[in-house]
Amino acid sequence: VLVASEYFEVVVFPELVKLFFERAPRCSIEVKKLKPEMP
């Protein structure tokens, strides 16, 4: 689980997903919306 900005989802996440499922085909990944408060 990642908490991230839209910038990350647009710019980095597509490449991360590509690498992620090449190397962890049985795992899953989720991006939750970044909010003003630190989780």
PDB file of all heavy atoms in Angstrom:
ATOM      1  N   VAL A   1       0.842  -1.196   0.000  1.00  0.00           N
ATOM      2  CA  VAL A   1       0.000   0.000   0.000  1.00  0.00           C
ATOM      3  C   VAL A   1       0.877   1.246   0.000  1.00  0.00           C
ATOM      4  O   VAL A   1       1.752   1.403   0.857  1.00  0.00           O
ATOM      5  CB  VAL A   1      -0.945   0.027   1.217  1.00  0.00           C
ATOM      6  CG1 VAL A   1      -1.770   1.313   1.217  1.00  0.00           C
ATOM      7  CG2 VAL A   1      -1.867  -1.193   1.206  1.00  0.00           C
ATOM      8  N   LEU A   2       0.628   2.116  -0.964  1.00  0.00           N
ATOM      9  CA  LEU A   2       1.304   3.406  -1.043  1.00  0.00           C
ATOM     10  C   LEU A   2       0.287   4.512  -0.848  1.00  0.00           C
ATOM     11  O   LEU A   2      -0.855   4.397  -1.306  1.00  0.00           O
ATOM     12  CB  LEU A   2       1.980   3.587  -2.408  1.00  0.00           C
ATOM     13  CG  LEU A   2       2.850   2.452  -2.949  1.00  0.00           C
ATOM     14  CD1 LEU A   2       3.394   2.831  -4.318  1.00  0.00           C
ATOM     15  CD2 LEU A   2       3.966   2.132  -1.996  1.00  0.00           C
ATOM     16  N   VAL A   3       0.682   5.576  -0.186  1.00  0.00           N
ATOM     17  CA  VAL A   3      -0.107   6.804  -0.137  1.00  0.00           C
ATOM     18  C   VAL A   3       0.675   7.824  -0.948  1.00  0.00           C
ATOM     19  O   VAL A   3       1.834   8.113  -0.633  1.00  0.00           O
ATOM     20  CB  VAL A   3      -0.316   7.288   1.309  1.00  0.00           C
ATOM     21  CG1 VAL A   3      -0.913   8.686   1.319  1.00  0.00           C
ATOM     22  CG2 VAL A   3      -1.223   6.321   2.064  1.00  0.00           C
ATOM     23  N   ALA A   4       0.063   8.337  -2.017  1.00  0.00           N
ATOM     24  CA  ALA A   4       0.855   9.129  -2.953  1.00  0.00           C
ATOM     25  C   ALA A   4       0.025  10.215  -3.625  1.00  0.00           C
ATOM     26  O   ALA A   4      -1.204  10.162  -3.681  1.00  0.00           O
ATOM     27  CB  ALA A   4       1.473   8.211  -4.011  1.00  0.00           C
ATOM     28  N   SER A   5       0.752  11.186  -4.169  1.00  0.00           N
ATOM     29  CA  SER A   5       0.145  12.286  -4.910  1.00  0.00           C
ATOM     30  C   SER A   5      -0.222  11.838  -6.316  1.00  0.00           C
ATOM     31  O   SER A   5       0.255  10.817  -6.824  1.00  0.00           O
ATOM     32  CB  SER A   5       1.128  13.457  -4.995  1.00  0.00           C
ATOM     33  OG  SER A   5       2.264  13.064  -5.754  1.00  0.00           O
ATOM     34  N   GLU A   6      -1.063  12.628  -6.955  1.00  0.00           N
ATOM     35  CA  GLU A   6      -1.434  12.336  -8.342  1.00  0.00           C
ATOM     36  C   GLU A   6      -0.211  12.423  -9.252  1.00  0.00           C
ATOM     37  O   GLU A   6      -0.109  11.695 -10.243  1.00  0.00           O
ATOM     38  CB  GLU A   6      -2.518  13.305  -8.823  1.00  0.00           C
ATOM     39  CG  GLU A   6      -3.050  12.941 -10.205  1.00  0.00           C
ATOM     40  CD  GLU A   6      -3.984  13.986 -10.782  1.00  0.00           C
ATOM     41  OE1 GLU A   6      -4.049  15.100 -10.223  1.00  0.00           O
ATOM     42  OE2 GLU A   6      -4.615  13.705 -11.800  1.00  0.00           O
ATOM     43  N   TYR A   7       0.710  13.303  -8.924  1.00  0.00           N
ATOM     44  CA  TYR A   7       1.948  13.407  -9.705  1.00  0.00           C
ATOM     45  C   TYR A   7       2.623  12.040  -9.797  1.00  0.00           C
ATOM     46  O   TYR A   7       3.040  11.607 -10.875  1.00  0.00           O
ATOM     47  CB  TYR A   7       2.882  14.416  -9.044  1.00  0.00           C
ATOM     48  CG  TYR A   7       4.247  14.535  -9.692  1.00  0.00           C
ATOM     49  CD1 TYR A   7       4.456  15.403 -10.757  1.00  0.00           C
ATOM     50  CD2 TYR A   7       5.319  13.772  -9.239  1.00  0.00           C
ATOM     51  CE1 TYR A   7       5.706  15.512 -11.349  1.00  0.00           C
ATOM     52  CE2 TYR A   7       6.569  13.876  -9.823  1.00  0.00           C
ATOM     53  CZ  TYR A   7       6.758  14.744 -10.878  1.00  0.00           C
ATOM     54  OH  TYR A   7       7.996  14.836 -11.472  1.00  0.00           O
ATOM     55  N   PHE A   8       2.733  11.352  -8.679  1.00  0.00           N
ATOM     56  CA  PHE A   8       3.336  10.025  -8.671  1.00  0.00           C
ATOM     57  C   PHE A   8       2.538   9.064  -9.549  1.00  0.00           C
ATOM     58  O   PHE A   8       3.114   8.300 -10.330  1.00  0.00           O
ATOM     59  CB  PHE A   8       3.398   9.490  -7.243  1.00  0.00           C
ATOM     60  CG  PHE A   8       3.693   8.015  -7.154  1.00  0.00           C
ATOM     61  CD1 PHE A   8       4.982   7.540  -7.315  1.00  0.00           C
ATOM     62  CD2 PHE A   8       2.669   7.101  -6.934  1.00  0.00           C
ATOM     63  CE1 PHE A   8       5.251   6.181  -7.255  1.00  0.00           C
ATOM     64  CE2 PHE A   8       2.939   5.742  -6.869  1.00  0.00           C
ATOM     65  CZ  PHE A   8       4.226   5.282  -7.035  1.00  0.00           C
ATOM     66  N   GLU A   9       1.210   9.090  -9.435  1.00  0.00           N
ATOM     67  CA  GLU A   9       0.382   8.161 -10.208  1.00  0.00           C
ATOM     68  C   GLU A   9       0.531   8.392 -11.710  1.00  0.00           C
ATOM     69  O   GLU A   9       0.544   7.439 -12.492  1.00  0.00           O
ATOM     70  CB  GLU A   9      -1.080   8.300  -9.797  1.00  0.00           C
ATOM     71  CG  GLU A   9      -1.384   7.765  -8.413  1.00  0.00           C
ATOM     72  CD  GLU A   9      -2.866   7.727  -8.127  1.00  0.00           C
ATOM     73  OE1 GLU A   9      -3.419   8.771  -7.715  1.00  0.00           O
ATOM     74  OE2 GLU A   9      -3.484   6.664  -8.325  1.00  0.00           O
ATOM     75  N   VAL A  10       0.657   9.652 -12.102  1.00  0.00           N
ATOM     76  CA  VAL A  10       0.754   9.976 -13.525  1.00  0.00           C
ATOM     77  C   VAL A  10       2.155   9.732 -14.066  1.00  0.00           C
ATOM     78  O   VAL A  10       2.339   9.180 -15.158  1.00  0.00           O
ATOM     79  CB  VAL A  10       0.333  11.449 -13.759  1.00  0.00           C
ATOM     80  CG1 VAL A  10       0.651  11.888 -15.186  1.00  0.00           C
ATOM     81  CG2 VAL A  10      -1.150  11.628 -13.473  1.00  0.00           C
ATOM     82  N   VAL A  11       3.164  10.107 -13.295  1.00  0.00           N
ATOM     83  CA  VAL A  11       4.533  10.137 -13.802  1.00  0.00           C
ATOM     84  C   VAL A  11       5.295   8.836 -13.556  1.00  0.00           C
ATOM     85  O   VAL A  11       5.994   8.334 -14.439  1.00  0.00           O
ATOM     86  CB  VAL A  11       5.304  11.327 -13.180  1.00  0.00           C
ATOM     87  CG1 VAL A  11       6.779  11.299 -13.577  1.00  0.00           C
ATOM     88  CG2 VAL A  11       4.664  12.641 -13.605  1.00  0.00           C
ATOM     89  N   VAL A  12       5.165   8.265 -12.354  1.00  0.00           N
ATOM     90  CA  VAL A  12       6.021   7.146 -11.949  1.00  0.00           C
ATOM     91  C   VAL A  12       5.286   5.808 -11.898  1.00  0.00           C
ATOM     92  O   VAL A  12       5.850   4.771 -12.243  1.00  0.00           O
ATOM     93  CB  VAL A  12       6.664   7.432 -10.564  1.00  0.00           C
ATOM     94  CG1 VAL A  12       7.566   6.276 -10.137  1.00  0.00           C
ATOM     95  CG2 VAL A  12       7.450   8.725 -10.596  1.00  0.00           C
ATOM     96  N   PHE A  13       4.046   5.831 -11.479  1.00  0.00           N
ATOM     97  CA  PHE A  13       3.338   4.578 -11.192  1.00  0.00           C
ATOM     98  C   PHE A  13       3.264   3.630 -12.393  1.00  0.00           C
ATOM     99  O   PHE A  13       3.431   2.413 -12.225  1.00  0.00           O
ATOM    100  CB  PHE A  13       1.947   4.878 -10.649  1.00  0.00           C
ATOM    101  CG  PHE A  13       1.285   3.691 -10.003  1.00  0.00           C
ATOM    102  CD1 PHE A  13       1.919   2.974  -8.989  1.00  0.00           C
ATOM    103  CD2 PHE A  13       0.024   3.280 -10.403  1.00  0.00           C
ATOM    104  CE1 PHE A  13       1.312   1.883  -8.389  1.00  0.00           C
ATOM    105  CE2 PHE A  13      -0.596   2.185  -9.810  1.00  0.00           C
ATOM    106  CZ  PHE A  13       0.051   1.488  -8.803  1.00  0.00           C
ATOM    107  N   PRO A  14       3.018   4.104 -13.616  1.00  0.00           N
ATOM    108  CA  PRO A  14       2.992   3.157 -14.744  1.00  0.00           C
ATOM    109  C   PRO A  14       4.281   2.348 -14.881  1.00  0.00           C
ATOM    110  O   PRO A  14       4.238   1.133 -15.121  1.00  0.00           O
ATOM    111  CB  PRO A  14       2.760   4.062 -15.956  1.00  0.00           C
ATOM    112  CG  PRO A  14       2.012   5.233 -15.384  1.00  0.00           C
ATOM    113  CD  PRO A  14       2.622   5.465 -14.033  1.00  0.00           C
ATOM    114  N   GLU A  15       5.422   2.997 -14.721  1.00  0.00           N
ATOM    115  CA  GLU A  15       6.700   2.283 -14.811  1.00  0.00           C
ATOM    116  C   GLU A  15       6.882   1.357 -13.619  1.00  0.00           C
ATOM    117  O   GLU A  15       7.386   0.227 -13.765  1.00  0.00           O
ATOM    118  CB  GLU A  15       7.855   3.285 -14.861  1.00  0.00           C
ATOM    119  CG  GLU A  15       9.241   2.660 -14.960  1.00  0.00           C
ATOM    120  CD  GLU A  15       9.467   1.890 -16.257  1.00  0.00           C
ATOM    121  OE1 GLU A  15       8.831   2.228 -17.271  1.00  0.00           O
ATOM    122  OE2 GLU A  15      10.275   0.933 -16.239  1.00  0.00           O
ATOM    123  N   LEU A  16       6.458   1.806 -12.435  1.00  0.00           N
ATOM    124  CA  LEU A  16       6.572   0.962 -11.247  1.00  0.00           C
ATOM    125  C   LEU A  16       5.731  -0.301 -11.395  1.00  0.00           C
ATOM    126  O   LEU A  16       6.183  -1.396 -11.042  1.00  0.00           O
ATOM    127  CB  LEU A  16       6.142   1.736 -10.002  1.00  0.00           C
ATOM    128  CG  LEU A  16       6.180   0.942  -8.688  1.00  0.00           C
ATOM    129  CD1 LEU A  16       7.609   0.521  -8.344  1.00  0.00           C
ATOM    130  CD2 LEU A  16       5.567   1.741  -7.539  1.00  0.00           C
ATOM    131  N   VAL A  17       4.512  -0.164 -11.890  1.00  0.00           N
ATOM    132  CA  VAL A  17       3.641  -1.328 -12.070  1.00  0.00           C
ATOM    133  C   VAL A  17       4.270  -2.333 -13.036  1.00  0.00           C
ATOM    134  O   VAL A  17       4.235  -3.549 -12.811  1.00  0.00           O
ATOM    135  CB  VAL A  17       2.244  -0.890 -12.562  1.00  0.00           C
ATOM    136  CG1 VAL A  17       1.429  -2.088 -13.037  1.00  0.00           C
ATOM    137  CG2 VAL A  17       1.502  -0.174 -11.441  1.00  0.00           C
ATOM    138  N   LYS A  18       4.857  -1.838 -14.099  1.00  0.00           N
ATOM    139  CA  LYS A  18       5.520  -2.718 -15.074  1.00  0.00           C
ATOM    140  C   LYS A  18       6.616  -3.544 -14.401  1.00  0.00           C
ATOM    141  O   LYS A  18       6.668  -4.774 -14.541  1.00  0.00           O
ATOM    142  CB  LYS A  18       6.097  -1.873 -16.203  1.00  0.00           C
ATOM    143  CG  LYS A  18       6.972  -2.622 -17.207  1.00  0.00           C
ATOM    144  CD  LYS A  18       7.394  -1.678 -18.325  1.00  0.00           C
ATOM    145  CE  LYS A  18       8.514  -2.263 -19.158  1.00  0.00           C
ATOM    146  NZ  LYS A  18       9.801  -2.290 -18.444  1.00  0.00           N
ATOM    147  N   LEU A  19       7.499  -2.870 -13.656  1.00  0.00           N
ATOM    148  CA  LEU A  19       8.582  -3.573 -12.967  1.00  0.00           C
ATOM    149  C   LEU A  19       8.041  -4.483 -11.868  1.00  0.00           C
ATOM    150  O   LEU A  19       8.537  -5.599 -11.665  1.00  0.00           O
ATOM    151  CB  LEU A  19       9.553  -2.558 -12.357  1.00  0.00           C
ATOM    152  CG  LEU A  19      10.324  -1.659 -13.331  1.00  0.00           C
ATOM    153  CD1 LEU A  19      11.115  -0.616 -12.561  1.00  0.00           C
ATOM    154  CD2 LEU A  19      11.239  -2.484 -14.209  1.00  0.00           C
ATOM    155  N   PHE A  20       7.019  -4.008 -11.165  1.00  0.00           N
ATOM    156  CA  PHE A  20       6.453  -4.737 -10.017  1.00  0.00           C
ATOM    157  C   PHE A  20       5.958  -6.115 -10.441  1.00  0.00           C
ATOM    158  O   PHE A  20       6.300  -7.137  -9.820  1.00  0.00           O
ATOM    159  CB  PHE A  20       5.319  -3.908  -9.414  1.00  0.00           C
ATOM    160  CG  PHE A  20       4.713  -4.488  -8.172  1.00  0.00           C
ATOM    161  CD1 PHE A  20       5.199  -4.149  -6.919  1.00  0.00           C
ATOM    162  CD2 PHE A  20       3.632  -5.359  -8.246  1.00  0.00           C
ATOM    163  CE1 PHE A  20       4.634  -4.675  -5.765  1.00  0.00           C
ATOM    164  CE2 PHE A  20       3.062  -5.886  -7.106  1.00  0.00           C
ATOM    165  CZ  PHE A  20       3.564  -5.551  -5.861  1.00  0.00           C
ATOM    166  N   PHE A  21       5.159  -6.179 -11.502  1.00  0.00           N
ATOM    167  CA  PHE A  21       4.563  -7.459 -11.873  1.00  0.00           C
ATOM    168  C   PHE A  21       5.512  -8.350 -12.676  1.00  0.00           C
ATOM    169  O   PHE A  21       5.263  -9.548 -12.808  1.00  0.00           O
ATOM    170  CB  PHE A  21       3.239  -7.241 -12.594  1.00  0.00           C
ATOM    171  CG  PHE A  21       2.139  -6.857 -11.640  1.00  0.00           C
ATOM    172  CD1 PHE A  21       1.742  -5.534 -11.509  1.00  0.00           C
ATOM    173  CD2 PHE A  21       1.537  -7.804 -10.833  1.00  0.00           C
ATOM    174  CE1 PHE A  21       0.761  -5.167 -10.609  1.00  0.00           C
ATOM    175  CE2 PHE A  21       0.552  -7.455  -9.926  1.00  0.00           C
ATOM    176  CZ  PHE A  21       0.157  -6.129  -9.813  1.00  0.00           C
ATOM    177  N   GLU A  22       6.589  -7.779 -13.187  1.00  0.00           N
ATOM    178  CA  GLU A  22       7.643  -8.619 -13.753  1.00  0.00           C
ATOM    179  C   GLU A  22       8.350  -9.412 -12.655  1.00  0.00           C
ATOM    180  O   GLU A  22       8.783 -10.540 -12.879  1.00  0.00           O
ATOM    181  CB  GLU A  22       8.675  -7.756 -14.485  1.00  0.00           C
ATOM    182  CG  GLU A  22       8.218  -7.206 -15.819  1.00  0.00           C
ATOM    183  CD  GLU A  22       9.232  -6.264 -16.441  1.00  0.00           C
ATOM    184  OE1 GLU A  22      10.258  -5.959 -15.779  1.00  0.00           O
ATOM    185  OE2 GLU A  22       9.002  -5.818 -17.577  1.00  0.00           O
ATOM    186  N   ARG A  23       8.427  -8.822 -11.466  1.00  0.00           N
ATOM    187  CA  ARG A  23       9.228  -9.416 -10.397  1.00  0.00           C
ATOM    188  C   ARG A  23       8.413  -9.954  -9.231  1.00  0.00           C
ATOM    189  O   ARG A  23       8.939 -10.687  -8.400  1.00  0.00           O
ATOM    190  CB  ARG A  23      10.215  -8.365  -9.875  1.00  0.00           C
ATOM    191  CG  ARG A  23      11.096  -7.852 -10.993  1.00  0.00           C
ATOM    192  CD  ARG A  23      12.075  -6.820 -10.535  1.00  0.00           C
ATOM    193  NE  ARG A  23      12.758  -6.215 -11.675  1.00  0.00           N
ATOM    194  CZ  ARG A  23      13.774  -5.386 -11.569  1.00  0.00           C
ATOM    195  NH1 ARG A  23      14.220  -5.058 -10.376  1.00  0.00           N
ATOM    196  NH2 ARG A  23      14.338  -4.877 -12.648  1.00  0.00           N
ATOM    197  N   ALA A  24       7.150  -9.571  -9.167  1.00  0.00           N
ATOM    198  CA  ALA A  24       6.291 -10.052  -8.073  1.00  0.00           C
ATOM    199  C   ALA A  24       4.906 -10.384  -8.618  1.00  0.00           C
ATOM    200  O   ALA A  24       3.921  -9.723  -8.299  1.00  0.00           O
ATOM    201  CB  ALA A  24       6.200  -9.000  -6.975  1.00  0.00           C
ATOM    202  N   PRO A  25       4.824 -11.415  -9.462  1.00  0.00           N
ATOM    203  CA  PRO A  25       3.559 -11.696 -10.162  1.00  0.00           C
ATOM    204  C   PRO A  25       2.410 -12.105  -9.261  1.00  0.00           C
ATOM    205  O   PRO A  25       1.246 -12.023  -9.662  1.00  0.00           O
ATOM    206  CB  PRO A  25       3.950 -12.840 -11.111  1.00  0.00           C
ATOM    207  CG  PRO A  25       5.157 -13.473 -10.473  1.00  0.00           C
ATOM    208  CD  PRO A  25       5.895 -12.360  -9.816  1.00  0.00           C
ATOM    209  N   ARG A  26       2.701 -12.531  -8.037  1.00  0.00           N
ATOM    210  CA  ARG A  26       1.636 -12.988  -7.139  1.00  0.00           C
ATOM    211  C   ARG A  26       1.292 -11.950  -6.073  1.00  0.00           C
ATOM    212  O   ARG A  26       0.440 -12.174  -5.225  1.00  0.00           O
ATOM    213  CB  ARG A  26       2.048 -14.304  -6.482  1.00  0.00           C
ATOM    214  CG  ARG A  26       2.344 -15.411  -7.493  1.00  0.00           C
ATOM    215  CD  ARG A  26       2.911 -16.655  -6.853  1.00  0.00           C
ATOM    216  NE  ARG A  26       1.930 -17.333  -6.014  1.00  0.00           N
ATOM    217  CZ  ARG A  26       2.179 -18.452  -5.335  1.00  0.00           C
ATOM    218  NH1 ARG A  26       3.385 -19.019  -5.412  1.00  0.00           N
ATOM    219  NH2 ARG A  26       1.248 -19.003  -4.597  1.00  0.00           N
ATOM    220  N   CYS A  27       1.955 -10.804  -6.143  1.00  0.00           N
ATOM    221  CA  CYS A  27       1.675  -9.717  -5.192  1.00  0.00           C
ATOM    222  C   CYS A  27       0.686  -8.730  -5.808  1.00  0.00           C
ATOM    223  O   CYS A  27       0.334  -8.827  -6.983  1.00  0.00           O
ATOM    224  CB  CYS A  27       2.967  -8.999  -4.820  1.00  0.00           C
ATOM    225  SG  CYS A  27       4.125  -9.999  -3.850  1.00  0.00           S
ATOM    226  N   SER A  28       0.248  -7.790  -5.018  1.00  0.00           N
ATOM    227  CA  SER A  28      -0.632  -6.727  -5.498  1.00  0.00           C
ATOM    228  C   SER A  28      -0.177  -5.402  -4.899  1.00  0.00           C
ATOM    229  O   SER A  28       0.540  -5.373  -3.897  1.00  0.00           O
ATOM    230  CB  SER A  28      -2.089  -7.006  -5.124  1.00  0.00           C
ATOM    231  OG  SER A  28      -2.233  -7.153  -3.727  1.00  0.00           O
ATOM    232  N   ILE A  29      -0.600  -4.307  -5.530  1.00  0.00           N
ATOM    233  CA  ILE A  29      -0.172  -2.989  -5.077  1.00  0.00           C
ATOM    234  C   ILE A  29      -1.337  -2.023  -5.200  1.00  0.00           C
ATOM    235  O   ILE A  29      -2.129  -2.097  -6.143  1.00  0.00           O
ATOM    236  CB  ILE A  29       1.059  -2.504  -5.884  1.00  0.00           C
ATOM    237  CG1 ILE A  29       1.631  -1.215  -5.277  1.00  0.00           C
ATOM    238  CG2 ILE A  29       0.737  -2.345  -7.361  1.00  0.00           C
ATOM    239  CD1 ILE A  29       3.012  -0.865  -5.812  1.00  0.00           C
ATOM    240  N   GLU A  30      -1.446  -1.124  -4.240  1.00  0.00           N
ATOM    241  CA  GLU A  30      -2.557  -0.169  -4.169  1.00  0.00           C
ATOM    242  C   GLU A  30      -2.010   1.218  -3.870  1.00  0.00           C
ATOM    243  O   GLU A  30      -1.098   1.372  -3.064  1.00  0.00           O
ATOM    244  CB  GLU A  30      -3.525  -0.602  -3.065  1.00  0.00           C
ATOM    245  CG  GLU A  30      -4.655   0.367  -2.787  1.00  0.00           C
ATOM    246  CD  GLU A  30      -5.519  -0.056  -1.612  1.00  0.00           C
ATOM    247  OE1 GLU A  30      -5.219  -1.098  -0.988  1.00  0.00           O
ATOM    248  OE2 GLU A  30      -6.496   0.669  -1.314  1.00  0.00           O
ATOM    249  N   VAL A  31      -2.585   2.220  -4.535  1.00  0.00           N
ATOM    250  CA  VAL A  31      -2.241   3.613  -4.233  1.00  0.00           C
ATOM    251  C   VAL A  31      -3.459   4.279  -3.609  1.00  0.00           C
ATOM    252  O   VAL A  31      -4.534   4.299  -4.201  1.00  0.00           O
ATOM    253  CB  VAL A  31      -1.817   4.388  -5.493  1.00  0.00           C
ATOM    254  CG1 VAL A  31      -1.505   5.832  -5.136  1.00  0.00           C
ATOM    255  CG2 VAL A  31      -0.609   3.738  -6.140  1.00  0.00           C
ATOM    256  N   LYS A  32      -3.269   4.814  -2.406  1.00  0.00           N
ATOM    257  CA  LYS A  32      -4.325   5.561  -1.738  1.00  0.00           C
ATOM    258  C   LYS A  32      -4.047   7.054  -1.876  1.00  0.00           C
ATOM    259  O   LYS A  32      -2.898   7.483  -1.968  1.00  0.00           O
ATOM    260  CB  LYS A  32      -4.411   5.176  -0.261  1.00  0.00           C
ATOM    261  CG  LYS A  32      -4.902   3.749  -0.038  1.00  0.00           C
ATOM    262  CD  LYS A  32      -5.105   3.453   1.442  1.00  0.00           C
ATOM    263  CE  LYS A  32      -5.700   2.065   1.633  1.00  0.00           C
ATOM    264  NZ  LYS A  32      -5.937   1.748   3.071  1.00  0.00           N
ATOM    265  N   LYS A  33      -5.117   7.836  -1.874  1.00  0.00           N
ATOM    266  CA  LYS A  33      -4.999   9.275  -2.102  1.00  0.00           C
ATOM    267  C   LYS A  33      -4.226   9.954  -0.979  1.00  0.00           C
ATOM    268  O   LYS A  33      -4.459   9.701   0.200  1.00  0.00           O
ATOM    269  CB  LYS A  33      -6.389   9.891  -2.225  1.00  0.00           C
ATOM    270  CG  LYS A  33      -6.368  11.369  -2.592  1.00  0.00           C
ATOM    271  CD  LYS A  33      -7.772  11.902  -2.797  1.00  0.00           C
ATOM    272  CE  LYS A  33      -7.743  13.375  -3.172  1.00  0.00           C
ATOM    273  NZ  LYS A  33      -9.097  13.909  -3.409  1.00  0.00           N
ATOM    274  N   LEU A  34      -3.312  10.818  -1.369  1.00  0.00           N
ATOM    275  CA  LEU A  34      -2.567  11.616  -0.405  1.00  0.00           C
ATOM    276  C   LEU A  34      -3.479  12.680   0.195  1.00  0.00           C
ATOM    277  O   LEU A  34      -4.212  13.365  -0.518  1.00  0.00           O
ATOM    278  CB  LEU A  34      -1.381  12.291  -1.105  1.00  0.00           C
ATOM    279  CG  LEU A  34      -0.452  13.125  -0.243  1.00  0.00           C
ATOM    280  CD1 LEU A  34       0.380  12.231   0.658  1.00  0.00           C
ATOM    281  CD2 LEU A  34       0.451  13.989  -1.118  1.00  0.00           C
ATOM    282  N   LYS A  35      -3.424  12.822   1.509  1.00  0.00           N
ATOM    283  CA  LYS A  35      -4.213  13.828   2.209  1.00  0.00           C
ATOM    284  C   LYS A  35      -3.277  14.775   2.950  1.00  0.00           C
ATOM    285  O   LYS A  35      -2.087  14.481   3.113  1.00  0.00           O
ATOM    286  CB  LYS A  35      -5.187  13.149   3.179  1.00  0.00           C
ATOM    287  CG  LYS A  35      -6.205  12.260   2.480  1.00  0.00           C
ATOM    288  CD  LYS A  35      -7.151  11.606   3.477  1.00  0.00           C
ATOM    289  CE  LYS A  35      -8.162  10.724   2.748  1.00  0.00           C
ATOM    290  NZ  LYS A  35      -9.094  10.058   3.689  1.00  0.00           N
ATOM    291  N   PRO A  36      -3.787  15.898   3.408  1.00  0.00           N
ATOM    292  CA  PRO A  36      -2.903  16.868   4.093  1.00  0.00           C
ATOM    293  C   PRO A  36      -2.254  16.343   5.359  1.00  0.00           C
ATOM    294  O   PRO A  36      -1.221  16.853   5.778  1.00  0.00           O
ATOM    295  CB  PRO A  36      -3.853  18.036   4.413  1.00  0.00           C
ATOM    296  CG  PRO A  36      -4.946  17.927   3.408  1.00  0.00           C
ATOM    297  CD  PRO A  36      -5.129  16.460   3.167  1.00  0.00           C
ATOM    298  N   GLU A  37      -2.860  15.304   5.977  1.00  0.00           N
ATOM    299  CA  GLU A  37      -2.300  14.771   7.217  1.00  0.00           C
ATOM    300  C   GLU A  37      -1.395  13.571   6.930  1.00  0.00           C
ATOM    301  O   GLU A  37      -1.753  12.679   6.158  1.00  0.00           O
ATOM    302  CB  GLU A  37      -3.411  14.334   8.178  1.00  0.00           C
ATOM    303  CG  GLU A  37      -4.367  15.445   8.579  1.00  0.00           C
ATOM    304  CD  GLU A  37      -5.414  15.738   7.523  1.00  0.00           C
ATOM    305  OE1 GLU A  37      -5.712  14.823   6.715  1.00  0.00           O
ATOM    306  OE2 GLU A  37      -5.908  16.877   7.483  1.00  0.00           O
ATOM    307  N   MET A  38      -0.246  13.540   7.572  1.00  0.00           N
ATOM    308  CA  MET A  38       0.661  12.402   7.444  1.00  0.00           C
ATOM    309  C   MET A  38       0.036  11.148   8.076  1.00  0.00           C
ATOM    310  O   MET A  38      -0.399  11.195   9.229  1.00  0.00           O
ATOM    311  CB  MET A  38       1.982  12.718   8.138  1.00  0.00           C
ATOM    312  CG  MET A  38       2.913  11.514   8.309  1.00  0.00           C
ATOM    313  SD  MET A  38       3.656  11.003   6.758  1.00  0.00           S
ATOM    314  CE  MET A  38       4.975  12.221   6.636  1.00  0.00           C
ATOM    315  N   PRO A  39      -0.032  10.024   7.362  1.00  0.00           N
ATOM    316  CA  PRO A  39      -0.585   8.788   7.936  1.00  0.00           C
ATOM    317  C   PRO A  39       0.434   8.079   8.827  1.00  0.00           C
ATOM    318  O   PRO A  39       0.874   6.961   8.559  1.00  0.00           O
ATOM    319  CB  PRO A  39      -0.933   7.962   6.694  1.00  0.00           C
ATOM    320  CG  PRO A  39       0.064   8.395   5.676  1.00  0.00           C
ATOM    321  CD  PRO A  39       0.309   9.862   5.937  1.00  0.00           C
TER     322      PRO A  39
END
